[in-house]
C-alpha cells in the first residue's frame, strides 16, 4: 500500500458495540485512510472484534495491543508513534463520524500550513448540543483540540511529540498540547463541515485519586505556562475598523497563549467588524457590542457583568489617554501590549 494521506488512531478499551459502530462509520466515511487501532487491554470480545476488523482491512489496518489498560493518553501516543501519513486523525471509540466529516479538515490543512490541530464540528450525543451548522464561521481558532475527534499535522507531531502522559488526559492536557504547538509555530482551529457525534466519558478511578491527579495536572500546567489572565478592553466611540483591527492582531497573539479578552465596541463598529469577519477570530476573544442608544449607566452595567463572569478581569482602555464610563484606573493599552509580548 502506498503511503496514505491520513492515518486514523483509535484507542479502544472494551465497549464492543460502540467500537464496532465507530469503526464501521470511519470505514464508510473515511475513504483511503489507514486505521491504527490500539487495544488498551480490552476483554476477549473486544479483542476478537479488533482482530477481525484488522484482518478484513489487510494492509489498511494496524493493530497494537497493551496487556493492561495504560490510560487513554498513553494508548493514543503509542498509536501516534506508528503514524506515517501526512495527517494523523484521533478518534475516540465512542465517537461517530458522518458523511463529509474529514474532507473539509484535510482541505483546510492543505490551505493553511500553519494549522497544526484541526477539529471537526462536534455534537454532544446526549443533548445534541453543538455549534449550529449555519452560524459557525468556516474556521475559527480555538484553545485546544478534543480527544473525541481531531486531526494533527504530522509535521507538528514530529516537532513536539505526543501528549503529556503526566497530565490527566482532559482539557488541561489538550490545552498543553496546543500551547506547545503554538510555540512551534502551529495553530489550532475548529472547522465547519460534517458532524462528529460524541459522548462524555465516564471518569474512572476513585474520586480522591481523580482529584489528586487533577491537582497535579493543574500544577504542572501552570508551572509550565503560568496563570491564565483576562482583560476587558473598551474601545472609545468613534474608533474606526482599521485601528481596532491592528489591536486585534495583538490580542490574537495573547489569546493563543491562554489570555481571555472581552472587547467592548460601539454598535456601528460591531457591524463593520461582522462584515470584515473580525468577530470570530478566536474563542478567547469575545466582542461585546454596545446598544445603539447607550447611556453611561448602561455601559457600567455591561462592564460589571463582564467582571462578574471573571472577577480577575483587568480593565483596559483601547486608546491610551481616553477613559470610559465605569472604568477606574484602567491599564494603558501600551502596558497590555508589553504584557502580551512577555508571554512570547
Protein backbone atom coordinates (compact mmCIF):
# COMPACT_ATOMS: atom_id res chain seq x y z
CA UNK A 1 0.00 0.00 0.00
CA UNK A 2 1.26 3.49 -0.85
CA UNK A 3 1.77 5.93 1.99
CA UNK A 4 -1.74 7.12 2.98
CA UNK A 5 -2.70 10.78 3.33
CA UNK A 6 -4.48 10.01 6.59
CA UNK A 7 -3.84 7.64 9.49
CA UNK A 8 -6.73 7.30 11.95
CA UNK A 9 -5.73 6.35 15.50
CA UNK A 10 -8.46 4.77 17.61
CA UNK A 11 -7.63 3.80 21.22
CA UNK A 12 -10.04 1.10 22.43
CA UNK A 13 -10.92 -0.25 25.85
CA UNK A 14 -13.93 -2.61 25.85
CA UNK A 15 -17.41 -1.38 24.74
CA UNK A 16 -17.51 -3.63 21.65
CA UNK A 17 -20.87 -2.33 20.36
CA UNK A 18 -19.79 1.32 20.41
CA UNK A 19 -16.39 0.38 19.00
CA UNK A 20 -17.91 -1.53 16.10
CA UNK A 21 -20.23 1.37 15.26
CA UNK A 22 -17.31 3.79 15.41
CA UNK A 23 -15.09 1.70 13.13
CA UNK A 24 -17.84 0.99 10.60
CA UNK A 25 -18.65 4.70 10.30
CA UNK A 26 -14.98 5.56 9.94
CA UNK A 27 -14.60 2.95 7.23
CA UNK A 28 -17.66 4.25 5.36
CA UNK A 29 -16.83 7.95 5.62
CA UNK A 30 -13.00 8.00 5.55
CA UNK A 31 -12.00 6.62 2.14
CA UNK A 32 -8.38 5.62 1.63
CA UNK A 33 -7.44 6.17 5.28
CA UNK A 34 -5.36 3.68 7.22
CA UNK A 35 -6.54 2.55 10.66
CA UNK A 36 -4.23 2.27 13.65
CA UNK A 37 -6.19 0.64 16.47
CA UNK A 38 -4.71 0.44 19.96
CA UNK A 39 -6.32 -2.28 22.08
CA UNK A 40 -5.77 -0.93 25.57
CA UNK A 41 -6.13 -4.22 27.48
CA UNK A 42 -9.72 -4.93 26.35
CA UNK A 43 -11.73 -8.02 27.19
CA UNK A 44 -11.76 -11.01 24.86
CA UNK A 45 -14.93 -9.96 22.98
CA UNK A 46 -13.50 -6.58 22.04
CA UNK A 47 -10.13 -8.12 21.26
CA UNK A 48 -11.73 -10.52 18.74
CA UNK A 49 -13.68 -7.66 17.17
CA UNK A 50 -10.50 -5.66 16.57
CA UNK A 51 -8.66 -8.67 15.21
CA UNK A 52 -11.45 -9.40 12.72
CA UNK A 53 -11.62 -5.77 11.66
CA UNK A 54 -7.85 -5.60 11.14
CA UNK A 55 -7.77 -8.88 9.17
CA UNK A 56 -10.60 -7.70 6.93
CA UNK A 57 -8.76 -4.49 6.03
CA UNK A 58 -5.42 -6.21 5.44
CA UNK A 59 -2.74 -3.53 4.94
CA UNK A 60 -5.21 -0.70 5.61
CA UNK A 61 -5.20 -1.57 9.31
CA UNK A 62 -2.58 -1.86 12.01
CA UNK A 63 -3.48 -3.36 15.40
CA UNK A 64 -1.49 -2.73 18.57
CA UNK A 65 -2.28 -4.31 21.93
CA UNK A 66 -1.46 -3.42 25.52
CA UNK A 67 -1.83 -6.21 28.06
CA UNK A 68 -3.39 -3.81 30.57
CA UNK A 69 -5.24 -0.51 30.33
CA UNK A 70 -2.46 2.09 30.36
CA UNK A 71 -4.79 5.06 30.07
CA UNK A 72 -6.11 6.86 27.00
CA UNK A 73 -3.16 9.23 26.58
CA UNK A 74 -0.50 6.51 26.64
CA UNK A 75 -2.52 4.35 24.23
CA UNK A 76 -3.04 7.33 21.94
CA UNK A 77 0.65 8.21 21.98
CA UNK A 78 1.54 4.65 21.05
CA UNK A 79 -0.76 4.87 18.05
CA UNK A 80 0.54 8.29 17.02
CA UNK A 81 4.09 6.96 17.09
CA UNK A 82 3.09 4.43 14.41
CA UNK A 83 1.55 7.07 12.16
CA UNK A 84 3.28 7.70 8.85
CA UNK A 85 0.68 9.72 6.93
CA UNK A 86 0.84 13.45 6.31
CA UNK A 87 -2.12 13.89 8.66
CA UNK A 88 -2.99 11.93 11.80
CA UNK A 89 -6.60 11.68 12.98
CA UNK A 90 -7.53 10.92 16.58
CA UNK A 91 -10.99 9.44 17.08
CA UNK A 92 -12.37 8.07 20.35
CA UNK A 93 -14.02 4.65 20.03
CA UNK A 94 -17.35 6.07 21.26
CA UNK A 95 -17.47 8.81 18.61
CA UNK A 96 -19.49 8.53 15.39
CA UNK A 97 -18.35 10.38 12.28
CA UNK A 98 -20.75 11.31 9.50
CA UNK A 99 -20.54 11.90 5.76
CA UNK A 100 -18.21 14.77 4.89
CA UNK A 101 -16.56 14.92 8.30
CA UNK A 102 -12.96 14.73 7.16
CA UNK A 103 -12.78 16.36 3.70
CA UNK A 104 -13.14 19.98 4.96
CA UNK A 105 -10.47 19.33 7.58
CA UNK A 106 -7.99 17.95 5.07
CA UNK A 107 -8.67 20.79 2.64
CA UNK A 108 -8.19 23.38 5.38
CA UNK A 109 -4.90 21.80 6.45
CA UNK A 110 -3.67 21.93 2.86
CA UNK A 111 -4.60 25.61 2.58
CA UNK A 112 -3.19 26.64 5.95
CA UNK A 113 0.33 25.32 6.54
CA UNK A 114 0.28 26.99 9.98
CA UNK A 115 -2.68 24.84 11.09
CA UNK A 116 -1.41 22.05 13.33
CA UNK A 117 -4.55 20.79 15.10
CA UNK A 118 -7.99 20.89 13.45
CA UNK A 119 -11.33 19.92 14.99
CA UNK A 120 -14.46 18.88 13.12
CA UNK A 121 -17.93 20.08 14.13
CA UNK A 122 -18.52 18.19 17.38
CA UNK A 123 -22.04 17.45 18.62
CA UNK A 124 -22.79 16.04 22.06
CA UNK A 125 -24.95 12.96 21.51
CA UNK A 126 -26.62 13.29 24.92
CA UNK A 127 -28.24 16.64 24.24
CA UNK A 128 -27.41 17.25 20.56
CA UNK A 129 -25.61 20.39 21.66
CA UNK A 130 -23.04 21.73 19.28
CA UNK A 131 -22.24 24.81 17.26
CA UNK A 132 -25.15 25.47 14.87
CA UNK A 133 -24.03 24.40 11.41
CA UNK A 134 -25.19 27.58 9.74
CA UNK A 135 -23.90 30.01 12.40
CA UNK A 136 -20.29 28.96 12.70
CA UNK A 137 -17.66 30.63 10.52
CA UNK A 138 -15.89 28.18 8.24
CA UNK A 139 -12.85 28.24 10.53
CA UNK A 140 -12.12 29.79 13.91
CA UNK A 141 -9.11 29.48 16.17
CA UNK A 142 -9.76 27.63 19.42
CA UNK A 143 -7.80 26.95 22.60
CA UNK A 144 -7.33 23.21 22.15
CA UNK A 145 -8.31 20.04 20.34
CA UNK A 146 -10.58 17.24 21.51
CA UNK A 147 -9.93 13.57 22.13
CA UNK A 148 -13.42 12.92 20.70
CA UNK A 149 -12.04 13.71 17.22
CA UNK A 150 -9.32 15.90 15.71
CA UNK A 151 -6.64 15.93 13.03
CA UNK A 152 -2.97 16.61 13.73
CA UNK A 153 -0.43 17.56 11.11
CA UNK A 154 2.40 15.01 11.08
CA UNK A 155 4.96 17.84 10.93
CA UNK A 156 3.57 19.13 14.22
CA UNK A 157 3.81 15.69 15.82
CA UNK A 158 7.37 15.36 14.57
CA UNK A 159 8.18 18.75 16.10
CA UNK A 160 6.60 18.40 19.57
CA UNK A 161 5.82 14.70 20.01
CA UNK A 162 2.72 13.29 21.65
CA UNK A 163 0.50 14.34 24.55
CA UNK A 164 1.91 14.76 28.06
CA UNK A 165 1.33 11.45 29.86
CA UNK A 166 1.81 13.11 33.25
CA UNK A 167 -1.45 15.01 32.77
CA UNK A 168 -4.99 13.79 33.32
CA UNK A 169 -5.98 13.23 29.70
CA UNK A 170 -8.57 16.02 29.81
CA UNK A 171 -8.81 19.68 28.92
CA UNK A 172 -5.51 20.62 30.58
CA UNK A 173 -3.64 18.01 28.58
CA UNK A 174 -5.26 19.25 25.37
CA UNK A 175 -4.51 22.88 26.20
CA UNK A 176 -0.92 21.98 26.92
CA UNK A 177 -0.58 20.35 23.51
CA UNK A 178 -1.96 23.39 21.68
CA UNK A 179 0.36 25.68 23.65
CA UNK A 180 3.32 23.51 22.64
CA UNK A 181 2.04 23.58 19.06
CA UNK A 182 1.79 27.38 19.13
CA UNK A 183 5.34 27.64 20.44
CA UNK A 184 6.43 25.51 17.47
CA UNK A 185 4.53 27.76 15.01
CA UNK A 186 1.30 25.75 14.60
CA UNK A 187 -2.26 26.90 15.40
CA UNK A 188 -5.43 25.11 16.50
CA UNK A 189 -8.71 25.55 14.57
CA UNK A 190 -12.31 24.40 14.56
CA UNK A 191 -13.62 23.89 11.01
CA UNK A 192 -17.22 23.64 9.87
CA UNK A 193 -18.37 20.56 7.99
CA UNK A 194 -19.90 17.16 8.62
CA UNK A 195 -20.63 16.49 12.27
CA UNK A 196 -18.93 14.06 14.64
CA UNK A 197 -21.19 12.85 17.44
CA UNK A 198 -19.53 12.18 20.80
CA UNK A 199 -20.45 11.22 24.34
CA UNK A 200 -18.93 12.48 27.58
CA UNK A 201 -16.56 9.90 29.01
CA UNK A 202 -17.30 8.44 32.44
CA UNK A 203 -14.23 9.11 34.65
CA UNK A 204 -12.53 6.03 36.07
CA UNK A 205 -10.97 5.53 39.50
CA UNK A 206 -11.88 6.86 42.92
CA UNK A 207 -12.90 10.47 43.47
CA UNK A 208 -9.86 11.06 45.69
CA UNK A 209 -7.48 9.69 43.08
CA UNK A 210 -9.04 11.77 40.29
CA UNK A 211 -8.88 14.93 42.41
CA UNK A 212 -5.22 14.33 43.19
CA UNK A 213 -4.46 13.78 39.50
CA UNK A 214 -6.29 16.99 38.65
CA UNK A 215 -4.29 18.96 41.23
CA UNK A 216 -1.03 17.60 39.84
CA UNK A 217 -2.09 18.34 36.28
CA UNK A 218 -3.08 21.93 37.02
CA UNK A 219 0.13 22.50 38.96
CA UNK A 220 2.20 21.12 36.08
CA UNK A 221 0.31 23.19 33.52
CA UNK A 222 0.60 26.45 35.44
CA UNK A 223 4.23 25.81 36.25
CA UNK A 224 4.84 25.47 32.51
CA UNK A 225 2.57 28.20 31.14
CA UNK A 226 1.65 30.46 34.07
CA UNK A 227 -1.75 31.58 35.33
CA UNK A 228 -4.48 32.42 32.81
CA UNK A 229 -5.47 36.08 32.76
CA UNK A 230 -8.45 38.10 31.49
CA UNK A 231 -8.79 41.64 30.16
CA UNK A 232 -11.69 43.83 29.12
CA UNK A 233 -10.72 46.41 26.50
CA UNK A 234 -13.10 49.31 25.95
CA UNK A 235 -12.86 50.99 22.56
CA UNK A 236 -13.88 54.68 22.64
CA UNK A 237 -16.73 55.88 20.47
CA UNK A 238 -15.51 56.85 17.02
CA UNK A 239 -12.81 54.16 16.81
CA UNK A 240 -12.51 53.01 13.19
CA UNK A 241 -12.17 49.47 11.86
CA UNK A 242 -8.51 49.78 10.87
CA UNK A 243 -7.50 50.88 14.36
CA UNK A 244 -9.34 48.08 16.17
CA UNK A 245 -8.01 45.64 13.58
CA UNK A 246 -4.42 46.45 14.48
CA UNK A 247 -5.18 45.96 18.16
CA UNK A 248 -6.95 42.66 17.49
CA UNK A 249 -3.74 41.32 15.93
CA UNK A 250 -2.02 41.77 19.28
CA UNK A 251 -4.97 40.30 21.20
CA UNK A 252 -4.98 37.28 18.92
CA UNK A 253 -1.38 36.61 19.85
CA UNK A 254 -2.35 36.73 23.52
CA UNK A 255 -5.43 34.55 23.01
CA UNK A 256 -3.22 31.81 21.55
CA UNK A 257 -1.32 31.83 24.83
CA UNK A 258 -4.36 31.47 27.07
CA UNK A 259 -5.35 35.09 27.67
CA UNK A 260 -9.09 35.85 27.55
CA UNK A 261 -10.30 39.16 26.13
CA UNK A 262 -13.63 40.97 26.11
CA UNK A 263 -13.63 43.85 23.63
CA UNK A 264 -16.41 46.42 24.09
CA UNK A 265 -17.25 48.34 20.89
CA UNK A 266 -19.98 50.61 19.60
CA UNK A 267 -22.88 49.08 17.68
CA UNK A 268 -21.75 50.70 14.41
CA UNK A 269 -18.18 49.39 14.78
CA UNK A 270 -19.52 45.94 15.63
CA UNK A 271 -21.46 45.82 12.36
CA UNK A 272 -18.31 46.75 10.44
CA UNK A 273 -16.40 44.01 12.27
CA UNK A 274 -19.05 41.45 11.37
CA UNK A 275 -18.76 42.37 7.69
CA UNK A 276 -14.96 42.16 7.92
CA UNK A 277 -15.08 38.76 9.64
CA UNK A 278 -13.38 40.09 12.79
CA UNK A 279 -15.86 38.93 15.45
CA UNK A 280 -14.97 35.22 15.43
CA UNK A 281 -11.19 35.16 15.25
CA UNK A 282 -10.56 33.10 18.38
CA UNK A 283 -12.77 31.63 21.08
CA UNK A 284 -10.73 33.57 23.68
CA UNK A 285 -11.71 36.90 22.10
CA UNK A 286 -15.31 37.94 22.74
CA UNK A 287 -16.63 41.06 21.04
CA UNK A 288 -19.28 42.88 23.13
CA UNK A 289 -21.40 45.36 21.13
CA UNK A 290 -22.99 48.25 22.96
CA UNK A 291 -26.66 49.10 22.32
CA UNK A 292 -27.37 51.61 19.56
CA UNK A 293 -28.59 54.09 22.16
CA UNK A 294 -26.30 53.63 25.11
CA UNK A 295 -26.08 55.65 28.31
CA UNK A 296 -23.14 55.76 30.72
CA UNK A 297 -25.25 53.76 33.16
CA UNK A 298 -25.79 51.02 30.58
CA UNK A 299 -22.07 50.84 29.83
CA UNK A 300 -21.32 50.44 33.54
CA UNK A 301 -23.79 47.55 33.79
CA UNK A 302 -22.21 45.78 30.81
CA UNK A 303 -18.74 46.17 32.28
CA UNK A 304 -19.97 44.99 35.69
CA UNK A 305 -21.43 41.84 34.08
CA UNK A 306 -18.13 41.10 32.34
CA UNK A 307 -16.23 41.43 35.60
CA UNK A 308 -18.79 39.29 37.48
CA UNK A 309 -18.20 36.47 34.97
CA UNK A 310 -14.44 36.65 35.56
CA UNK A 311 -13.55 38.57 38.70
CA UNK A 312 -9.85 38.56 37.74
CA UNK A 313 -10.61 40.73 34.69
CA UNK A 314 -8.36 43.76 34.26
CA UNK A 315 -9.93 46.80 32.60
CA UNK A 316 -8.04 48.33 29.66
CA UNK A 317 -8.63 51.45 27.58
CA UNK A 318 -8.25 50.72 23.88
CA UNK A 319 -6.63 54.11 23.25
CA UNK A 320 -4.24 55.48 25.84
CA UNK A 321 -5.43 58.67 27.50
CA UNK A 322 -9.11 58.15 26.63
CA UNK A 323 -11.29 56.95 29.51
CA UNK A 324 -14.65 55.23 29.56
CA UNK A 325 -17.65 55.31 31.94
CA UNK A 326 -17.27 52.85 34.79
CA UNK A 327 -13.56 52.28 34.18
CA UNK A 328 -11.45 53.46 37.10
CA UNK A 329 -7.64 53.35 36.95
CA UNK A 330 -7.56 51.31 33.74
CA UNK A 331 -4.49 49.63 32.34
CA UNK A 332 -2.99 51.51 29.41
CA UNK A 333 -3.02 49.63 26.11
CA UNK A 334 0.76 50.05 25.81
CA UNK A 335 1.14 48.17 29.12
CA UNK A 336 -1.19 45.40 27.88
CA UNK A 337 0.94 45.20 24.74
CA UNK A 338 4.06 44.76 26.83
CA UNK A 339 2.46 42.03 28.96
CA UNK A 340 1.44 40.05 25.89
CA UNK A 341 4.88 40.37 24.36
CA UNK A 342 6.41 38.97 27.54
CA UNK A 343 4.29 35.84 27.07
CA UNK A 344 6.18 35.09 23.87
